Structures are given as C-alpha cells and as structure tokens.
PDB file of N, CA and C in Angstrom:
ATOM      1  N   MET A   1     132.808 135.109  52.195  1.00  0.00           N
ATOM      2  CA  MET A   1     133.026 133.849  52.882  1.00  0.00           C
ATOM      3  C   MET A   1     132.256 132.713  52.220  1.00  0.00           C
ATOM      4  N   GLU A   2     130.997 132.966  51.828  1.00  0.00           N
ATOM      5  CA  GLU A   2     130.197 131.913  51.219  1.00  0.00           C
ATOM      6  C   GLU A   2     130.744 131.525  49.847  1.00  0.00           C
ATOM      7  N   GLU A   3     131.322 132.484  49.124  1.00  0.00           N
ATOM      8  CA  GLU A   3     131.893 132.169  47.821  1.00  0.00           C
ATOM      9  C   GLU A   3     133.055 131.193  47.961  1.00  0.00           C
ATOM     10  N   ASN A   4     133.903 131.415  48.964  1.00  0.00           N
ATOM     11  CA  ASN A   4     135.033 130.516  49.180  1.00  0.00           C
ATOM     12  C   ASN A   4     134.567 129.141  49.605  1.00  0.00           C
ATOM     13  N   THR A   5     133.504 129.068  50.399  1.00  0.00           N
ATOM     14  CA  THR A   5     132.970 127.777  50.811  1.00  0.00           C
ATOM     15  C   THR A   5     132.455 127.014  49.600  1.00  0.00           C
ATOM     16  N   ALA A   6     131.820 127.706  48.682  1.00  0.00           N
ATOM     17  CA  ALA A   6     131.318 127.059  47.469  1.00  0.00           C
ATOM     18  C   ALA A   6     132.482 126.524  46.628  1.00  0.00           C
ATOM     19  N   GLU A   7     133.557 127.291  46.530  1.00  0.00           N
ATOM     20  CA  GLU A   7     134.725 126.822  45.773  1.00  0.00           C
ATOM     21  C   GLU A   7     135.337 125.594  46.422  1.00  0.00           C
ATOM     22  N   ARG A   8     135.435 125.617  47.739  1.00  0.00           N
ATOM     23  CA  ARG A   8     136.025 124.476  48.444  1.00  0.00           C
ATOM     24  C   ARG A   8     135.156 123.235  48.313  1.00  0.00           C
ATOM     25  N   MET A   9     133.840 123.400  48.442  1.00  0.00           N
ATOM     26  CA  MET A   9     132.938 122.254  48.290  1.00  0.00           C
ATOM     27  C   MET A   9     132.990 121.732  46.853  1.00  0.00           C
ATOM     28  N   GLY A  10     133.091 122.650  45.894  1.00  0.00           N
ATOM     29  CA  GLY A  10     133.198 122.235  44.495  1.00  0.00           C
ATOM     30  C   GLY A  10     134.447 121.418  44.246  1.00  0.00           C
ATOM     31  N   ALA A  11     135.569 121.845  44.817  1.00  0.00           N
ATOM     32  CA  ALA A  11     136.817 121.094  44.655  1.00  0.00           C
ATOM     33  C   ALA A  11     136.710 119.721  45.304  1.00  0.00           C
ATOM     34  N   LEU A  12     136.068 119.643  46.458  1.00  0.00           N
ATOM     35  CA  LEU A  12     135.895 118.363  47.137  1.00  0.00           C
ATOM     36  C   LEU A  12     135.015 117.428  46.320  1.00  0.00           C
ATOM     37  N   ILE A  13     133.911 117.944  45.823  1.00  0.00           N
ATOM     38  CA  ILE A  13     132.986 117.116  45.035  1.00  0.00           C
ATOM     39  C   ILE A  13     133.632 116.667  43.735  1.00  0.00           C
ATOM     40  N   ILE A  14     134.339 117.562  43.057  1.00  0.00           N
ATOM     41  CA  ILE A  14     135.011 117.186  41.811  1.00  0.00           C
ATOM     42  C   ILE A  14     136.079 116.134  42.076  1.00  0.00           C
ATOM     43  N   GLY A  15     136.799 116.247  43.196  1.00  0.00           N
ATOM     44  CA  GLY A  15     137.797 115.241  43.543  1.00  0.00           C
ATOM     45  C   GLY A  15     137.185 113.867  43.741  1.00  0.00           C
ATOM     46  N   VAL A  16     136.058 113.813  44.433  1.00  0.00           N
ATOM     47  CA  VAL A  16     135.378 112.532  44.656  1.00  0.00           C
ATOM     48  C   VAL A  16     134.855 111.967  43.340  1.00  0.00           C
ATOM     49  N   ILE A  17     134.240 112.823  42.523  1.00  0.00           N
ATOM     50  CA  ILE A  17     133.717 112.370  41.228  1.00  0.00           C
ATOM     51  C   ILE A  17     134.849 111.860  40.342  1.00  0.00           C
ATOM     52  N   LEU A  18     135.976 112.560  40.346  1.00  0.00           N
ATOM     53  CA  LEU A  18     137.122 112.133  39.544  1.00  0.00           C
ATOM     54  C   LEU A  18     137.604 110.747  39.963  1.00  0.00           C
ATOM     55  N   ILE A  19     137.681 110.508  41.253  1.00  0.00           N
ATOM     56  CA  ILE A  19     138.125 109.192  41.726  1.00  0.00           C
ATOM     57  C   ILE A  19     137.112 108.114  41.359  1.00  0.00           C
ATOM     58  N   VAL A  20     135.823 108.380  41.521  1.00  0.00           N
ATOM     59  CA  VAL A  20     134.797 107.383  41.201  1.00  0.00           C
ATOM     60  C   VAL A  20     134.820 107.050  39.710  1.00  0.00           C
ATOM     61  N   ILE A  21     134.841 108.067  38.861  1.00  0.00           N
ATOM     62  CA  ILE A  21     134.874 107.820  37.411  1.00  0.00           C
ATOM     63  C   ILE A  21     136.163 107.108  37.014  1.00  0.00           C
ATOM     64  N   GLY A  22     137.268 107.520  37.613  1.00  0.00           N
ATOM     65  CA  GLY A  22     138.544 106.867  37.310  1.00  0.00           C
ATOM     66  C   GLY A  22     138.553 105.398  37.685  1.00  0.00           C
ATOM     67  N   MET A  23     137.954 105.067  38.818  1.00  0.00           N
ATOM     68  CA  MET A  23     137.927 103.669  39.237  1.00  0.00           C
ATOM     69  C   MET A  23     136.990 102.841  38.359  1.00  0.00           C
ATOM     70  N   VAL A  24     135.915 103.457  37.878  1.00  0.00           N
ATOM     71  CA  VAL A  24     135.030 102.751  36.948  1.00  0.00           C
ATOM     72  C   VAL A  24     135.769 102.490  35.637  1.00  0.00           C
ATOM     73  N   LEU A  25     136.485 103.493  35.156  1.00  0.00           N
ATOM     74  CA  LEU A  25     137.226 103.334  33.904  1.00  0.00           C
ATOM     75  C   LEU A  25     138.476 102.464  34.062  1.00  0.00           C
ATOM     76  N   ALA A  26     138.939 102.270  35.289  1.00  0.00           N
ATOM     77  CA  ALA A  26     140.142 101.462  35.504  1.00  0.00           C
ATOM     78  C   ALA A  26     139.948 100.030  35.008  1.00  0.00           C
ATOM     79  N   GLY A  27     138.761  99.484  35.181  1.00  0.00           N
ATOM     80  CA  GLY A  27     138.486  98.138  34.674  1.00  0.00           C
ATOM     81  C   GLY A  27     138.642  98.062  33.165  1.00  0.00           C
ATOM     82  N   ILE A  28     138.167  99.090  32.466  1.00  0.00           N
ATOM     83  CA  ILE A  28     138.299  99.126  31.009  1.00  0.00           C
ATOM     84  C   ILE A  28     139.765  99.249  30.613  1.00  0.00           C
ATOM     85  N   VAL A  29     140.504 100.093  31.321  1.00  0.00           N
ATOM     86  CA  VAL A  29     141.921 100.286  31.013  1.00  0.00           C
ATOM     87  C   VAL A  29     142.690  98.985  31.229  1.00  0.00           C
ATOM     88  N   VAL A  30     142.393  98.282  32.305  1.00  0.00           N
ATOM     89  CA  VAL A  30     143.079  97.015  32.581  1.00  0.00           C
ATOM     90  C   VAL A  30     142.742  95.986  31.508  1.00  0.00           C
ATOM     91  N   ASP A  31     141.470  95.890  31.120  1.00  0.00           N
ATOM     92  CA  ASP A  31     141.087  94.947  30.063  1.00  0.00           C
ATOM     93  C   ASP A  31     141.794  95.261  28.749  1.00  0.00           C
ATOM     94  N   GLN A  32     141.876  96.531  28.405  1.00  0.00           N
ATOM     95  CA  GLN A  32     142.553  96.911  27.167  1.00  0.00           C
ATOM     96  C   GLN A  32     144.054  96.634  27.235  1.00  0.00           C
ATOM     97  N   ALA A  33     144.633  96.832  28.414  1.00  0.00           N
ATOM     98  CA  ALA A  33     146.063  96.549  28.571  1.00  0.00           C
ATOM     99  C   ALA A  33     146.335  95.051  28.435  1.00  0.00           C
ATOM    100  N   VAL A  34     145.443  94.225  28.962  1.00  0.00           N
ATOM    101  CA  VAL A  34     145.608  92.772  28.815  1.00  0.00           C
ATOM    102  C   VAL A  34     145.465  92.370  27.359  1.00  0.00           C
ATOM    103  N   THR A  35     144.479  92.941  26.669  1.00  0.00           N
ATOM    104  CA  THR A  35     144.302  92.657  25.245  1.00  0.00           C
ATOM    105  C   THR A  35     145.521  93.099  24.452  1.00  0.00           C
ATOM    106  N   PHE A  36     146.045  94.263  24.787  1.00  0.00           N
ATOM    107  CA  PHE A  36     147.251  94.767  24.128  1.00  0.00           C
ATOM    108  C   PHE A  36     148.430  93.827  24.374  1.00  0.00           C
ATOM    109  N   GLY A  37     148.528  93.324  25.610  1.00  0.00           N
ATOM    110  CA  GLY A  37     149.638  92.437  25.961  1.00  0.00           C
ATOM    111  C   GLY A  37     149.620  91.134  25.184  1.00  0.00           C
ATOM    112  N   THR A  38     148.435  90.631  24.893  1.00  0.00           N
ATOM    113  CA  THR A  38     148.353  89.377  24.141  1.00  0.00           C
ATOM    114  C   THR A  38     148.633  89.575  22.658  1.00  0.00           C
ATOM    115  N   LYS A  39     148.471  90.814  22.176  1.00  0.00           N
ATOM    116  CA  LYS A  39     148.678  91.093  20.751  1.00  0.00           C
ATOM    117  C   LYS A  39     149.972  91.847  20.477  1.00  0.00           C
ATOM    118  N   ALA A  40     150.821  91.986  21.477  1.00  0.00           N
ATOM    119  CA  ALA A  40     152.051  92.769  21.321  1.00  0.00           C
ATOM    120  C   ALA A  40     153.103  91.969  20.567  1.00  0.00           C
ATOM    121  N   THR A  41     153.073  92.082  19.273  1.00  0.00           N
ATOM    122  CA  THR A  41     154.077  91.423  18.426  1.00  0.00           C
ATOM    123  C   THR A  41     154.676  92.465  17.500  1.00  0.00           C
ATOM    124  N   ILE A  42     155.390  93.401  18.072  1.00  0.00           N
ATOM    125  CA  ILE A  42     155.962  94.495  17.293  1.00  0.00           C
ATOM    126  C   ILE A  42     157.451  94.227  17.107  1.00  0.00           C
ATOM    127  N   GLY A  43     157.779  93.591  16.042  1.00  0.00           N
ATOM    128  CA  GLY A  43     159.171  93.344  15.672  1.00  0.00           C
ATOM    129  C   GLY A  43     160.007  92.742  16.788  1.00  0.00           C
ATOM    130  N   SER A  44     161.203  93.287  16.969  1.00  0.00           N
ATOM    131  CA  SER A  44     162.131  92.733  17.936  1.00  0.00           C
ATOM    132  C   SER A  44     162.166  93.532  19.237  1.00  0.00           C
ATOM    133  N   PHE A  45     161.259  94.479  19.410  1.00  0.00           N
ATOM    134  CA  PHE A  45     161.248  95.302  20.611  1.00  0.00           C
ATOM    135  C   PHE A  45     160.615  94.518  21.755  1.00  0.00           C
ATOM    136  N   ALA A  46     161.452  94.053  22.670  1.00  0.00           N
ATOM    137  CA  ALA A  46     160.977  93.188  23.749  1.00  0.00           C
ATOM    138  C   ALA A  46     160.293  93.965  24.872  1.00  0.00           C
ATOM    139  N   GLY A  47     160.424  95.254  24.896  1.00  0.00           N
ATOM    140  CA  GLY A  47     159.855  96.033  25.993  1.00  0.00           C
ATOM    141  C   GLY A  47     158.406  96.427  25.818  1.00  0.00           C
ATOM    142  N   VAL A  48     157.790  96.021  24.716  1.00  0.00           N
ATOM    143  CA  VAL A  48     156.399  96.403  24.460  1.00  0.00           C
ATOM    144  C   VAL A  48     155.483  95.828  25.535  1.00  0.00           C
ATOM    145  N   GLN A  49     155.673  94.591  25.910  1.00  0.00           N
ATOM    146  CA  GLN A  49     154.842  93.966  26.941  1.00  0.00           C
ATOM    147  C   GLN A  49     155.004  94.696  28.271  1.00  0.00           C
ATOM    148  N   ALA A  50     156.229  95.039  28.621  1.00  0.00           N
ATOM    149  CA  ALA A  50     156.470  95.744  29.885  1.00  0.00           C
ATOM    150  C   ALA A  50     155.823  97.127  29.877  1.00  0.00           C
ATOM    151  N   LEU A  51     155.907  97.835  28.763  1.00  0.00           N
ATOM    152  CA  LEU A  51     155.260  99.144  28.671  1.00  0.00           C
ATOM    153  C   LEU A  51     153.742  99.017  28.748  1.00  0.00           C
ATOM    154  N   GLY A  52     153.213  98.001  28.108  1.00  0.00           N
ATOM    155  CA  GLY A  52     151.769  97.758  28.173  1.00  0.00           C
ATOM    156  C   GLY A  52     151.304  97.451  29.578  1.00  0.00           C
ATOM    157  N   ASP A  53     152.140  96.779  30.363  1.00  0.00           N
ATOM    158  CA  ASP A  53     151.776  96.468  31.741  1.00  0.00           C
ATOM    159  C   ASP A  53     151.783  97.701  32.634  1.00  0.00           C
ATOM    160  N   LEU A  54     152.514  98.741  32.251  1.00  0.00           N
ATOM    161  CA  LEU A  54     152.582  99.960  33.048  1.00  0.00           C
ATOM    162  C   LEU A  54     151.391 100.899  32.839  1.00  0.00           C
ATOM    163  N   ILE A  55     150.667 100.715  31.760  1.00  0.00           N
ATOM    164  CA  ILE A  55     149.569 101.628  31.433  1.00  0.00           C
ATOM    165  C   ILE A  55     148.519 101.697  32.550  1.00  0.00           C
ATOM    166  N   PRO A  56     147.997 100.578  33.064  1.00  0.00           N
ATOM    167  CA  PRO A  56     147.006 100.682  34.147  1.00  0.00           C
ATOM    168  C   PRO A  56     147.579 101.334  35.408  1.00  0.00           C
ATOM    169  N   LEU A  57     148.827 101.047  35.720  1.00  0.00           N
ATOM    170  CA  LEU A  57     149.447 101.633  36.907  1.00  0.00           C
ATOM    171  C   LEU A  57     149.530 103.155  36.786  1.00  0.00           C
ATOM    172  N   VAL A  58     149.953 103.625  35.636  1.00  0.00           N
ATOM    173  CA  VAL A  58     150.066 105.067  35.419  1.00  0.00           C
ATOM    174  C   VAL A  58     148.682 105.720  35.453  1.00  0.00           C
ATOM    175  N   PHE A  59     147.707 105.093  34.821  1.00  0.00           N
ATOM    176  CA  PHE A  59     146.345 105.633  34.801  1.00  0.00           C
ATOM    177  C   PHE A  59     145.785 105.780  36.208  1.00  0.00           C
ATOM    178  N   VAL A  60     145.864 104.717  36.990  1.00  0.00           N
ATOM    179  CA  VAL A  60     145.316 104.753  38.351  1.00  0.00           C
ATOM    180  C   VAL A  60     146.082 105.750  39.219  1.00  0.00           C
ATOM    181  N   THR A  61     147.387 105.814  39.064  1.00  0.00           N
ATOM    182  CA  THR A  61     148.189 106.760  39.844  1.00  0.00           C
ATOM    183  C   THR A  61     147.794 108.202  39.546  1.00  0.00           C
ATOM    184  N   VAL A  62     147.606 108.532  38.286  1.00  0.00           N
ATOM    185  CA  VAL A  62     147.235 109.893  37.909  1.00  0.00           C
ATOM    186  C   VAL A  62     145.832 110.235  38.420  1.00  0.00           C
ATOM    187  N   VAL A  63     144.882 109.324  38.244  1.00  0.00           N
ATOM    188  CA  VAL A  63     143.513 109.595  38.676  1.00  0.00           C
ATOM    189  C   VAL A  63     143.441 109.761  40.191  1.00  0.00           C
ATOM    190  N   ILE A  64     144.062 108.853  40.933  1.00  0.00           N
ATOM    191  CA  ILE A  64     144.051 108.944  42.398  1.00  0.00           C
ATOM    192  C   ILE A  64     144.795 110.210  42.845  1.00  0.00           C
ATOM    193  N   GLY A  65     145.914 110.500  42.221  1.00  0.00           N
ATOM    194  CA  GLY A  65     146.681 111.693  42.592  1.00  0.00           C
ATOM    195  C   GLY A  65     145.895 112.976  42.379  1.00  0.00           C
ATOM    196  N   LEU A  66     145.226 113.105  41.239  1.00  0.00           N
ATOM    197  CA  LEU A  66     144.429 114.301  40.980  1.00  0.00           C
ATOM    198  C   LEU A  66     143.248 114.405  41.933  1.00  0.00           C
ATOM    199  N   GLY A  67     142.562 113.294  42.152  1.00  0.00           N
ATOM    200  CA  GLY A  67     141.411 113.317  43.049  1.00  0.00           C
ATOM    201  C   GLY A  67     141.792 113.662  44.474  1.00  0.00           C
ATOM    202  N   ILE A  68     142.827 113.030  44.984  1.00  0.00           N
ATOM    203  CA  ILE A  68     143.267 113.309  46.351  1.00  0.00           C
ATOM    204  C   ILE A  68     143.831 114.723  46.447  1.00  0.00           C
ATOM    205  N   GLY A  69     144.499 115.182  45.398  1.00  0.00           N
ATOM    206  CA  GLY A  69     145.013 116.546  45.401  1.00  0.00           C
ATOM    207  C   GLY A  69     143.898 117.577  45.499  1.00  0.00           C
ATOM    208  N   LEU A  70     142.828 117.377  44.729  1.00  0.00           N
ATOM    209  CA  LEU A  70     141.695 118.305  44.808  1.00  0.00           C
ATOM    210  C   LEU A  70     141.042 118.260  46.188  1.00  0.00           C
ATOM    211  N   MET A  71     140.899 117.058  46.739  1.00  0.00           N
ATOM    212  CA  MET A  71     140.294 116.946  48.069  1.00  0.00           C
ATOM    213  C   MET A  71     141.202 117.558  49.134  1.00  0.00           C
ATOM    214  N   ALA A  72     142.508 117.418  48.969  1.00  0.00           N
ATOM    215  CA  ALA A  72     143.443 118.005  49.936  1.00  0.00           C
ATOM    216  C   ALA A  72     143.407 119.529  49.877  1.00  0.00           C
ATOM    217  N   LEU A  73     143.345 120.090  48.664  1.00  0.00           N
ATOM    218  CA  LEU A  73     143.226 121.540  48.538  1.00  0.00           C
ATOM    219  C   LEU A  73     141.941 122.043  49.195  1.00  0.00           C
ATOM    220  N   SER A  74     140.869 121.302  48.999  1.00  0.00           N
ATOM    221  CA  SER A  74     139.607 121.683  49.602  1.00  0.00           C
ATOM    222  C   SER A  74     139.682 121.614  51.122  1.00  0.00           C
ATOM    223  N   GLY A  75     140.247 120.539  51.647  1.00  0.00           N
ATOM    224  CA  GLY A  75     140.384 120.393  53.098  1.00  0.00           C
ATOM    225  C   GLY A  75     141.278 121.462  53.694  1.00  0.00           C
ATOM    226  N   ALA A  76     142.343 121.796  53.001  1.00  0.00           N
ATOM    227  CA  ALA A  76     143.234 122.853  53.484  1.00  0.00           C
ATOM    228  C   ALA A  76     142.509 124.192  53.483  1.00  0.00           C
ATOM    229  N   GLY A  77     141.660 124.406  52.497  1.00  0.00           N
ATOM    230  CA  GLY A  77     140.882 125.642  52.462  1.00  0.00           C
ATOM    231  C   GLY A  77     139.918 125.735  53.622  1.00  0.00           C
ATOM    232  N   PHE A  78     139.293 124.624  53.986  1.00  0.00           N
ATOM    233  CA  PHE A  78     138.383 124.621  55.131  1.00  0.00           C
ATOM    234  C   PHE A  78     139.131 124.900  56.436  1.00  0.00           C
ATOM    235  N   MET A  79     140.402 124.517  56.497  1.00  0.00           N
ATOM    236  CA  MET A  79     141.194 124.758  57.706  1.00  0.00           C
ATOM    237  C   MET A  79     141.863 126.140  57.675  1.00  0.00           C
ATOM    238  N   GLY A  80     141.634 126.904  56.611  1.00  0.00           N
ATOM    239  CA  GLY A  80     142.195 128.245  56.519  1.00  0.00           C
ATOM    240  C   GLY A  80     143.601 128.296  55.987  1.00  0.00           C
ATOM    241  N   ARG A  81     144.017 127.263  55.280  1.00  0.00           N
ATOM    242  CA  ARG A  81     145.362 127.239  54.705  1.00  0.00           C
ATOM    243  C   ARG A  81     145.258 126.931  53.212  1.00  0.00           C
ATOM    244  N   GLY A  82     146.333 127.149  52.504  1.00  0.00           N
ATOM    245  CA  GLY A  82     146.397 126.792  51.095  1.00  0.00           C
ATOM    246  C   GLY A  82     145.717 127.809  50.184  1.00  0.00           C
ATOM    247  N   PRO A  83     145.656 127.496  48.892  1.00  0.00           N
ATOM    248  CA  PRO A  83     145.146 128.456  47.923  1.00  0.00           C
ATOM    249  C   PRO A  83     143.630 128.676  47.986  1.00  0.00           C
ATOM    250  N   LEU A  84     142.885 127.792  48.622  1.00  0.00           N
ATOM    251  CA  LEU A  84     141.428 127.965  48.709  1.00  0.00           C
ATOM    252  C   LEU A  84     140.990 128.519  50.055  1.00  0.00           C
ATOM    253  N   ARG A  85     141.895 129.150  50.770  1.00  0.00           N
ATOM    254  CA  ARG A  85     141.533 129.698  52.080  1.00  0.00           C
ATOM    255  C   ARG A  85     140.695 130.971  51.925  1.00  0.00           C
ATOM    256  N   SER A  86     140.074 131.360  52.977  1.00  0.00           N
ATOM    257  CA  SER A  86     139.202 132.550  52.970  1.00  0.00           C
ATOM    258  C   SER A  86     140.011 133.803  52.799  1.00  0.00           C
TER     259      SER A  86
END
C-alpha cells in the first residue's frame, strides 16, 4: 500500500513541477515566436507567420495536458481507480 502511495504522490509532484517549469519556459517560447515572426521572410510561403504563431499555443497545450494528465492519474489512484490504484 505504501509503495502505491509513493507512486501516486510522485506522479502528482511531477505533474505540478512540469506545469511550473512549462509556464516559466512559456515566456521564452513566446518571445522566440515573436522574434521568429518578425524575421519570417522565407520566399513566397505566406503561411510561415501563421505557423510561427501556433508554436506557443502548441507548447502550452502539451505542457498543460501532460501536467494535468499526471495529476489526474494520481488523483484517480488515490480514489482507487485507474492505473495507479492499489
């Protein structure tokens, strides 16, 4: 029982750490995307700016999704459901 509790707490802590680190790095990703947008002069491909604008959105979505997913697995384990159950 204690081993499963340690796994669940580990998943919860890693989920929180992932979200915190991701949000700290989100500022850097947004700054780089803005810099990329101002320098996007790649031939006649007009979609470069639009693709550059999607980079921060995709980054934040993935980080939040992974963090919340880990926390949800941990919470489900504490309630006796899911893959981290006792």
